[in-house]
């Protein structure tokens, strides 16, 4: 069972992320609530992978 078309349309937000620079935070509104986006640098990604003890044990770890 799918939601009504007006409900479905209200949940879709398209954001152009091309102008966001590495290391920069970006905030968009979705349903009157903020959604925080950060374009991480390669160093940030490597640091988070190093600090996460669960990621290596996952069968298919998510990639950036």
C-alpha atoms as a PDB file:
ATOM      1  CA  UNK A   1       0.000   0.000   0.000  1.00  0.00           C
ATOM      2  CA  UNK A   2       1.522   3.301  -1.125  1.00  0.00           C
ATOM      3  CA  UNK A   3       0.911   6.732   0.406  1.00  0.00           C
ATOM      4  CA  UNK A   4      -1.254   9.273  -1.410  1.00  0.00           C
ATOM      5  CA  UNK A   5       0.417  11.279  -4.185  1.00  0.00           C
ATOM      6  CA  UNK A   6       0.330  14.525  -2.203  1.00  0.00           C
ATOM      7  CA  UNK A   7       2.022  12.865   0.778  1.00  0.00           C
ATOM      8  CA  UNK A   8       4.601  11.269  -1.501  1.00  0.00           C
ATOM      9  CA  UNK A   9       5.345  14.603  -3.212  1.00  0.00           C
ATOM     10  CA  UNK A  10       5.738  16.405   0.139  1.00  0.00           C
ATOM     11  CA  UNK A  11       8.510  13.995   1.137  1.00  0.00           C
ATOM     12  CA  UNK A  12      10.751  14.590  -1.877  1.00  0.00           C
ATOM     13  CA  UNK A  13      13.510  17.192  -1.693  1.00  0.00           C
ATOM     14  CA  UNK A  14      16.187  17.680  -4.315  1.00  0.00           C
ATOM     15  CA  UNK A  15      19.379  19.444  -3.289  1.00  0.00           C
ATOM     16  CA  UNK A  16      22.262  20.464  -5.523  1.00  0.00           C
ATOM     17  CA  UNK A  17      25.385  19.387  -3.625  1.00  0.00           C
ATOM     18  CA  UNK A  18      27.875  20.504  -6.285  1.00  0.00           C
ATOM     19  CA  UNK A  19      28.658  23.880  -4.641  1.00  0.00           C
ATOM     20  CA  UNK A  20      29.441  22.240  -1.265  1.00  0.00           C
ATOM     21  CA  UNK A  21      33.207  22.144  -0.695  1.00  0.00           C
ATOM     22  CA  UNK A  22      35.088  19.395   1.152  1.00  0.00           C
ATOM     23  CA  UNK A  23      34.866  19.874   4.912  1.00  0.00           C
ATOM     24  CA  UNK A  24      31.893  22.233   4.581  1.00  0.00           C
ATOM     25  CA  UNK A  25      28.571  21.824   6.419  1.00  0.00           C
ATOM     26  CA  UNK A  26      25.295  22.410   4.619  1.00  0.00           C
ATOM     27  CA  UNK A  27      21.769  22.609   6.052  1.00  0.00           C
ATOM     28  CA  UNK A  28      18.529  22.121   4.105  1.00  0.00           C
ATOM     29  CA  UNK A  29      14.943  22.073   5.332  1.00  0.00           C
ATOM     30  CA  UNK A  30      12.828  18.954   4.920  1.00  0.00           C
ATOM     31  CA  UNK A  31       9.278  19.029   6.292  1.00  0.00           C
ATOM     32  CA  UNK A  32      10.211  22.135   8.321  1.00  0.00           C
ATOM     33  CA  UNK A  33      13.109  20.297   9.970  1.00  0.00           C
ATOM     34  CA  UNK A  34      16.818  20.806   9.331  1.00  0.00           C
ATOM     35  CA  UNK A  35      18.836  18.127   7.567  1.00  0.00           C
ATOM     36  CA  UNK A  36      22.558  18.476   8.165  1.00  0.00           C
ATOM     37  CA  UNK A  37      24.940  17.504   5.374  1.00  0.00           C
ATOM     38  CA  UNK A  38      28.716  17.449   5.599  1.00  0.00           C
ATOM     39  CA  UNK A  39      30.979  16.730   2.649  1.00  0.00           C
ATOM     40  CA  UNK A  40      33.793  14.947   4.400  1.00  0.00           C
ATOM     41  CA  UNK A  41      37.436  15.206   3.432  1.00  0.00           C
ATOM     42  CA  UNK A  42      39.446  12.025   2.752  1.00  0.00           C
ATOM     43  CA  UNK A  43      41.175  12.548   6.138  1.00  0.00           C
ATOM     44  CA  UNK A  44      37.796  12.714   7.920  1.00  0.00           C
ATOM     45  CA  UNK A  45      36.666   9.503   6.228  1.00  0.00           C
ATOM     46  CA  UNK A  46      39.906   7.689   7.092  1.00  0.00           C
ATOM     47  CA  UNK A  47      39.690   8.880  10.706  1.00  0.00           C
ATOM     48  CA  UNK A  48      36.100   7.700  11.096  1.00  0.00           C
ATOM     49  CA  UNK A  49      36.943   4.290   9.619  1.00  0.00           C
ATOM     50  CA  UNK A  50      39.922   3.968  11.961  1.00  0.00           C
ATOM     51  CA  UNK A  51      37.838   4.890  15.033  1.00  0.00           C
ATOM     52  CA  UNK A  52      34.919   2.553  14.214  1.00  0.00           C
ATOM     53  CA  UNK A  53      35.481  -0.927  15.695  1.00  0.00           C
ATOM     54  CA  UNK A  54      32.341  -2.391  14.072  1.00  0.00           C
ATOM     55  CA  UNK A  55      32.940  -1.438  10.419  1.00  0.00           C
ATOM     56  CA  UNK A  56      35.650  -4.044   9.668  1.00  0.00           C
ATOM     57  CA  UNK A  57      33.412  -6.861  10.946  1.00  0.00           C
ATOM     58  CA  UNK A  58      30.530  -5.945   8.624  1.00  0.00           C
ATOM     59  CA  UNK A  59      30.002  -8.160   5.585  1.00  0.00           C
ATOM     60  CA  UNK A  60      29.516  -5.246   3.201  1.00  0.00           C
ATOM     61  CA  UNK A  61      30.604  -1.992   4.854  1.00  0.00           C
ATOM     62  CA  UNK A  62      29.117   1.132   3.305  1.00  0.00           C
ATOM     63  CA  UNK A  63      31.399   3.240   1.161  1.00  0.00           C
ATOM     64  CA  UNK A  64      31.474   7.011   0.802  1.00  0.00           C
END
